[in-house]
C-alpha atoms as a PDB file:
ATOM      1  CA  MET A   1       0.000   0.000   0.000  1.00  0.00           C
ATOM      2  CA  GLU A   2       1.385   3.372  -0.930  1.00  0.00           C
ATOM      3  CA  GLN A   3       1.361   6.202   1.578  1.00  0.00           C
ATOM      4  CA  TYR A   4       2.873   9.653   1.814  1.00  0.00           C
ATOM      5  CA  SER A   5       6.559   8.718   1.902  1.00  0.00           C
ATOM      6  CA  ASP A   6       7.613  12.106   3.316  1.00  0.00           C
ATOM      7  CA  LEU A   7       5.525  11.618   6.459  1.00  0.00           C
ATOM      8  CA  PRO A   8       7.172   9.709   9.320  1.00  0.00           C
ATOM      9  CA  SER A   9       5.546   6.713  10.982  1.00  0.00           C
ATOM     10  CA  VAL A  10       3.962   7.487  14.372  1.00  0.00           C
ATOM     11  CA  ALA A  11       1.842   5.711  16.979  1.00  0.00           C
ATOM     12  CA  GLU A  12      -0.807   3.474  15.447  1.00  0.00           C
ATOM     13  CA  ARG A  13      -3.652   4.846  17.523  1.00  0.00           C
ATOM     14  CA  ASP A  14      -3.099   8.538  16.750  1.00  0.00           C
ATOM     15  CA  GLY A  15      -1.621   8.133  13.286  1.00  0.00           C
ATOM     16  CA  LEU A  16      -0.925  10.943  10.888  1.00  0.00           C
ATOM     17  CA  VAL A  17      -3.388  13.429   9.455  1.00  0.00           C
ATOM     18  CA  ALA A  18      -3.204  13.779   5.687  1.00  0.00           C
ATOM     19  CA  PRO A  19      -2.883  17.242   4.137  1.00  0.00           C
ATOM     20  CA  PRO A  20      -6.277  18.847   3.390  1.00  0.00           C
ATOM     21  CA  GLY A  21      -7.594  18.333  -0.117  1.00  0.00           C
ATOM     22  CA  THR A  22      -5.913  14.971  -0.688  1.00  0.00           C
ATOM     23  CA  TRP A  23      -7.123  11.443  -1.293  1.00  0.00           C
ATOM     24  CA  PRO A  24      -5.198   8.305  -0.329  1.00  0.00           C
ATOM     25  CA  ILE A  25      -3.267   6.602  -3.130  1.00  0.00           C
ATOM     26  CA  PHE A  26      -3.297   2.792  -3.411  1.00  0.00           C
ATOM     27  CA  SER A  27      -1.392   0.204  -5.397  1.00  0.00           C
ATOM     28  CA  ASP A  28      -4.143  -2.454  -5.026  1.00  0.00           C
ATOM     29  CA  PRO A  29      -7.210  -1.652  -7.166  1.00  0.00           C
ATOM     30  CA  ARG A  30      -9.621  -3.117  -4.610  1.00  0.00           C
ATOM     31  CA  PHE A  31      -8.880  -0.267  -2.207  1.00  0.00           C
ATOM     32  CA  SER A  32      -9.463   2.283  -4.961  1.00  0.00           C
ATOM     33  CA  LEU A  33     -12.719   0.602  -5.979  1.00  0.00           C
ATOM     34  CA  LEU A  34     -14.126   0.653  -2.459  1.00  0.00           C
ATOM     35  CA  LEU A  35     -13.072   4.250  -1.800  1.00  0.00           C
ATOM     36  CA  ARG A  36     -14.534   5.484  -5.112  1.00  0.00           C
ATOM     37  CA  HIS A  37     -17.831   3.699  -4.435  1.00  0.00           C
ATOM     38  CA  TRP A  38     -18.010   5.253  -0.960  1.00  0.00           C
ATOM     39  CA  ALA A  39     -17.163   8.698  -2.406  1.00  0.00           C
ATOM     40  CA  GLU A  40     -19.878   8.325  -5.072  1.00  0.00           C
ATOM     41  CA  LYS A  41     -22.448   7.635  -2.366  1.00  0.00           C
ATOM     42  CA  ARG A  42     -21.429  10.432   0.011  1.00  0.00           C
ATOM     43  CA  GLN A  43     -24.179  12.622   1.370  1.00  0.00           C
ATOM     44  CA  GLY A  44     -22.428  15.312   3.319  1.00  0.00           C
ATOM     45  CA  LEU A  45     -19.352  13.952   5.064  1.00  0.00           C
ATOM     46  CA  THR A  46     -20.140  10.221   4.898  1.00  0.00           C
ATOM     47  CA  ALA A  47     -22.064   7.656   2.887  1.00  0.00           C
ATOM     48  CA  PRO A  48     -25.300   6.185   4.240  1.00  0.00           C
ATOM     49  CA  ARG A  49     -25.057   2.510   5.145  1.00  0.00           C
ATOM     50  CA  ASP A  50     -27.966   1.629   2.851  1.00  0.00           C
ATOM     51  CA  ALA A  51     -26.296   3.322  -0.150  1.00  0.00           C
ATOM     52  CA  ILE A  52     -23.465   0.768  -0.291  1.00  0.00           C
ATOM     53  CA  ASP A  53     -24.097  -1.611  -3.192  1.00  0.00           C
ATOM     54  CA  PRO A  54     -22.381  -5.010  -2.818  1.00  0.00           C
ATOM     55  CA  ALA A  55     -22.567  -5.577  -6.586  1.00  0.00           C
ATOM     56  CA  ALA A  56     -20.484  -2.438  -7.177  1.00  0.00           C
ATOM     57  CA  ILE A  57     -17.643  -3.729  -4.980  1.00  0.00           C
ATOM     58  CA  LYS A  58     -17.917  -7.426  -5.826  1.00  0.00           C
ATOM     59  CA  SER A  59     -14.146  -8.042  -6.028  1.00  0.00           C
ATOM     60  CA  CYS A  60     -13.750  -6.598  -2.521  1.00  0.00           C
ATOM     61  CA  LEU A  61     -16.406  -8.675  -0.765  1.00  0.00           C
ATOM     62  CA  PRO A  62     -14.210 -11.536   0.564  1.00  0.00           C
ATOM     63  CA  HIS A  63     -12.102  -8.922   2.361  1.00  0.00           C
ATOM     64  CA  VAL A  64     -14.714  -6.510   3.723  1.00  0.00           C
ATOM     65  CA  TYR A  65     -16.331  -6.100   7.122  1.00  0.00           C
ATOM     66  CA  MET A  66     -18.839  -3.770   8.740  1.00  0.00           C
ATOM     67  CA  PHE A  67     -19.071  -2.727  12.349  1.00  0.00           C
ATOM     68  CA  ARG A  68     -22.128  -0.925  13.697  1.00  0.00           C
ATOM     69  CA  TYR A  69     -21.433   1.818  16.232  1.00  0.00           C
ATOM     70  CA  ARG A  70     -23.329   1.823  19.522  1.00  0.00           C
ATOM     71  CA  ALA A  71     -23.513   5.477  20.503  1.00  0.00           C
ATOM     72  CA  GLU A  72     -24.897   4.615  23.933  1.00  0.00           C
ATOM     73  CA  ASP A  73     -21.637   2.998  25.093  1.00  0.00           C
ATOM     74  CA  GLY A  74     -19.098   3.719  22.319  1.00  0.00           C
ATOM     75  CA  GLY A  75     -18.890   0.039  21.396  1.00  0.00           C
ATOM     76  CA  PHE A  76     -18.942  -1.721  18.028  1.00  0.00           C
ATOM     77  CA  ILE A  77     -20.459  -4.980  16.831  1.00  0.00           C
ATOM     78  CA  CYS A  78     -19.636  -6.807  13.603  1.00  0.00           C
ATOM     79  CA  THR A  79     -22.592  -7.072  11.226  1.00  0.00           C
ATOM     80  CA  LEU A  80     -20.808  -8.359   8.111  1.00  0.00           C
ATOM     81  CA  ALA A  81     -17.502 -10.094   7.372  1.00  0.00           C
ATOM     82  CA  GLY A  82     -16.153 -11.691   4.214  1.00  0.00           C
ATOM     83  CA  GLU A  83     -14.596 -15.149   4.096  1.00  0.00           C
ATOM     84  CA  LYS A  84     -11.000 -13.839   4.155  1.00  0.00           C
ATOM     85  CA  VAL A  85     -11.779 -11.856   7.303  1.00  0.00           C
ATOM     86  CA  HIS A  86     -13.170 -14.919   9.087  1.00  0.00           C
ATOM     87  CA  GLU A  87     -10.155 -16.926   7.899  1.00  0.00           C
ATOM     88  CA  ALA A  88      -7.577 -14.410   9.117  1.00  0.00           C
ATOM     89  CA  TRP A  89      -9.138 -14.114  12.574  1.00  0.00           C
ATOM     90  CA  GLY A  90      -9.712 -17.869  12.798  1.00  0.00           C
ATOM     91  CA  GLN A  91     -13.277 -17.610  14.020  1.00  0.00           C
ATOM     92  CA  PRO A  92     -16.734 -16.306  13.058  1.00  0.00           C
ATOM     93  CA  MET A  93     -16.948 -12.531  13.392  1.00  0.00           C
ATOM     94  CA  ILE A  94     -20.596 -11.580  12.914  1.00  0.00           C
ATOM     95  CA  GLY A  95     -22.327 -10.558  16.109  1.00  0.00           C
ATOM     96  CA  ARG A  96     -19.052 -10.123  17.972  1.00  0.00           C
ATOM     97  CA  GLN A  97     -17.270  -7.127  19.471  1.00  0.00           C
ATOM     98  CA  PRO A  98     -13.508  -6.414  19.176  1.00  0.00           C
ATOM     99  CA  GLN A  99     -12.934  -7.469  22.784  1.00  0.00           C
ATOM    100  CA  ASP A 100     -14.434 -10.892  21.920  1.00  0.00           C
ATOM    101  CA  PHE A 101     -11.662 -11.789  19.456  1.00  0.00           C
ATOM    102  CA  MET A 102      -8.712  -9.494  20.287  1.00  0.00           C
ATOM    103  CA  PRO A 103      -6.420  -9.357  23.331  1.00  0.00           C
ATOM    104  CA  PRO A 104      -7.448  -6.507  25.691  1.00  0.00           C
ATOM    105  CA  ASP A 105      -4.729  -4.027  24.642  1.00  0.00           C
ATOM    106  CA  SER A 106      -5.398  -4.621  20.935  1.00  0.00           C
ATOM    107  CA  ALA A 107      -9.140  -4.251  21.459  1.00  0.00           C
ATOM    108  CA  ALA A 108      -8.625  -0.950  23.284  1.00  0.00           C
ATOM    109  CA  THR A 109      -6.497   0.370  20.408  1.00  0.00           C
ATOM    110  CA  ALA A 110      -9.014  -0.839  17.820  1.00  0.00           C
ATOM    111  CA  LEU A 111     -11.929   0.780  19.656  1.00  0.00           C
ATOM    112  CA  ALA A 112     -10.095   4.117  19.836  1.00  0.00           C
ATOM    113  CA  ILE A 113      -9.390   3.938  16.097  1.00  0.00           C
ATOM    114  CA  TYR A 114     -12.972   2.934  15.260  1.00  0.00           C
ATOM    115  CA  ARG A 115     -14.425   5.760  17.380  1.00  0.00           C
ATOM    116  CA  ARG A 116     -12.244   8.311  15.641  1.00  0.00           C
ATOM    117  CA  ILE A 117     -13.312   7.031  12.206  1.00  0.00           C
ATOM    118  CA  VAL A 118     -17.027   7.341  12.941  1.00  0.00           C
ATOM    119  CA  THR A 119     -17.153  10.408  15.198  1.00  0.00           C
ATOM    120  CA  GLU A 120     -14.627  12.732  13.492  1.00  0.00           C
ATOM    121  CA  PRO A 121     -15.487  11.337  10.831  1.00  0.00           C
ATOM    122  CA  ALA A 122     -12.387  10.263   8.907  1.00  0.00           C
ATOM    123  CA  VAL A 123     -11.155   7.775   6.330  1.00  0.00           C
ATOM    124  CA  HIS A 124      -8.520   5.493   7.851  1.00  0.00           C
ATOM    125  CA  VAL A 125      -5.669   4.038   5.776  1.00  0.00           C
ATOM    126  CA  GLY A 126      -2.877   1.981   7.201  1.00  0.00           C
ATOM    127  CA  HIS A 127      -0.699  -1.002   7.751  1.00  0.00           C
ATOM    128  CA  ARG A 128      -1.187  -2.567  11.155  1.00  0.00           C
ATOM    129  CA  PRO A 129      -1.065  -6.220  12.214  1.00  0.00           C
ATOM    130  CA  ILE A 130      -4.129  -8.014  13.491  1.00  0.00           C
ATOM    131  CA  ILE A 131      -3.600  -9.981  16.689  1.00  0.00           C
ATOM    132  CA  PRO A 132      -6.242 -12.697  17.083  1.00  0.00           C
ATOM    133  CA  GLN A 133      -6.641 -14.224  20.537  1.00  0.00           C
ATOM    134  CA  GLY A 134      -4.467 -17.358  20.748  1.00  0.00           C
ATOM    135  CA  ARG A 135      -3.205 -17.115  17.159  1.00  0.00           C
ATOM    136  CA  ALA A 136      -0.254 -15.631  15.277  1.00  0.00           C
ATOM    137  CA  GLU A 137      -0.416 -11.952  14.372  1.00  0.00           C
ATOM    138  CA  LYS A 138      -0.788 -11.178  10.683  1.00  0.00           C
ATOM    139  CA  PRO A 139       0.250  -8.042   8.797  1.00  0.00           C
ATOM    140  CA  ALA A 140      -2.677  -6.298   7.145  1.00  0.00           C
ATOM    141  CA  ASP A 141      -3.206  -3.326   4.866  1.00  0.00           C
ATOM    142  CA  ARG A 142      -6.537  -1.646   5.380  1.00  0.00           C
ATOM    143  CA  LEU A 143      -8.956   1.037   4.319  1.00  0.00           C
ATOM    144  CA  VAL A 144     -11.862   1.944   6.598  1.00  0.00           C
ATOM    145  CA  VAL A 145     -14.590   4.467   5.770  1.00  0.00           C
ATOM    146  CA  PRO A 146     -17.361   5.868   7.984  1.00  0.00           C
ATOM    147  CA  LEU A 147     -21.025   5.145   7.320  1.00  0.00           C
ATOM    148  CA  SER A 148     -24.098   7.037   8.492  1.00  0.00           C
ATOM    149  CA  TRP A 149     -27.799   6.624   9.104  1.00  0.00           C
ATOM    150  CA  PRO A 150     -30.037   8.482   6.600  1.00  0.00           C
ATOM    151  CA  ASP A 151     -30.252  11.453   8.981  1.00  0.00           C
ATOM    152  CA  GLY A 152     -26.446  11.764   9.131  1.00  0.00           C
ATOM    153  CA  ARG A 153     -25.860  10.199  12.563  1.00  0.00           C
ATOM    154  CA  PRO A 154     -22.910   7.767  12.693  1.00  0.00           C
ATOM    155  CA  TRP A 155     -23.991   4.247  11.715  1.00  0.00           C
ATOM    156  CA  GLY A 156     -20.558   2.625  11.890  1.00  0.00           C
ATOM    157  CA  MET A 157     -17.856   1.721   9.422  1.00  0.00           C
ATOM    158  CA  LEU A 158     -16.997  -0.335   6.356  1.00  0.00           C
ATOM    159  CA  GLY A 159     -13.496  -1.777   6.106  1.00  0.00           C
ATOM    160  CA  LEU A 160     -11.385  -3.644   3.586  1.00  0.00           C
ATOM    161  CA  SER A 161      -8.324  -5.543   4.862  1.00  0.00           C
ATOM    162  CA  LEU A 162      -5.778  -7.482   2.852  1.00  0.00           C
ATOM    163  CA  TYR A 163      -3.881  -9.891   5.084  1.00  0.00           C
ATOM    164  CA  HIS A 164      -0.318 -10.994   4.308  1.00  0.00           C
ATOM    165  CA  TYR A 165       0.241 -14.523   5.611  1.00  0.00           C
ATOM    166  CA  ASN A 166       0.196 -18.160   4.598  1.00  0.00           C
ATOM    167  CA  PRO A 167      -3.273 -19.497   5.538  1.00  0.00           C
ATOM    168  CA  VAL A 168      -1.885 -22.993   6.212  1.00  0.00           C
ATOM    169  CA  THR A 169       1.166 -22.155   8.320  1.00  0.00           C
ATOM    170  CA  GLU A 170       0.052 -18.645   9.354  1.00  0.00           C
ATOM    171  CA  ALA A 171       3.610 -17.474   8.624  1.00  0.00           C
ATOM    172  CA  GLN A 172       3.766 -13.768   7.814  1.00  0.00           C
ATOM    173  CA  HIS A 173       4.463 -12.619   4.295  1.00  0.00           C
ATOM    174  CA  PRO A 174       5.973 -10.093   3.894  1.00  0.00           C
ATOM    175  CA  PRO A 175       7.828  -9.880   7.229  1.00  0.00           C
ATOM    176  CA  HIS A 176       6.272  -7.710   9.890  1.00  0.00           C
ATOM    177  CA  VAL A 177       6.819  -3.961   9.682  1.00  0.00           C
ATOM    178  CA  GLY A 178       5.720  -1.384  12.215  1.00  0.00           C
ATOM    179  CA  PRO A 179       2.275   0.201  12.152  1.00  0.00           C
ATOM    180  CA  ASN A 180       1.700   3.079   9.771  1.00  0.00           C
ATOM    181  CA  VAL A 181      -1.665   4.837   9.967  1.00  0.00           C
ATOM    182  CA  THR A 182      -3.019   7.936   8.223  1.00  0.00           C
ATOM    183  CA  TYR A 183      -6.370   9.639   8.762  1.00  0.00           C
ATOM    184  CA  PHE A 184      -8.102  11.645   6.044  1.00  0.00           C
ATOM    185  CA  PRO A 185     -10.707  13.864   7.785  1.00  0.00           C
ATOM    186  CA  CYS A 186     -13.904  13.741   5.757  1.00  0.00           C
ATOM    187  CA  ALA A 187     -14.378  17.493   6.091  1.00  0.00           C
ATOM    188  CA  ALA A 188     -11.051  18.023   4.297  1.00  0.00           C
ATOM    189  CA  LEU A 189     -11.512  15.541   1.436  1.00  0.00           C
ATOM    190  CA  PRO A 190     -11.695  16.970  -2.088  1.00  0.00           C
ATOM    191  CA  PRO A 191     -15.053  17.201  -3.855  1.00  0.00           C
ATOM    192  CA  GLY A 192     -15.656  14.606  -6.531  1.00  0.00           C
ATOM    193  CA  LEU A 193     -14.070  11.185  -6.717  1.00  0.00           C
ATOM    194  CA  PRO A 194     -10.642   9.857  -5.746  1.00  0.00           C
ATOM    195  CA  PRO A 195      -8.329   8.663  -8.541  1.00  0.00           C
ATOM    196  CA  ALA A 196      -9.021   5.281 -10.096  1.00  0.00           C
ATOM    197  CA  ALA A 197      -6.422   2.541  -9.803  1.00  0.00           C
END
């Protein structure tokens, strides 16, 4: 995944903030496809959950997931996960919260990231390993976009993760590198669509 090479890597939770008026740039066309579809469906700062068309992002579906935001307690629950997501985590995801399948420190980091995505709102781009409970960590490149209810309230988020590991041995490929996270505040995104792959 390509990022702004002139920006240094910082803590995964806080990440970097992209310059205003910029879109993320990707080398994998699936990320570009998902981001363009989300941008096409934007109404205000985010896209409504019901505007996402699975047929328009068909090549992404094995790698996508959705988490619904619970405003009452700041939690998240998985409502959709593709087969590659289930495979990487080694367990069913739907109906579960991050703390159900991540170690406590990883779940706390994930929840902080998820809350920022939906409440700022912001597009999240990064490389950060997943750490399933009782299993080997796996490097992953990801794109996560915020979703809303029709009235604009935060609904949750839609993510696409590409995991880099051997599904039989769970060995990492490529070798682990440190986390690298960039946030693109929705209020600062350009009008129109991001570049195609």
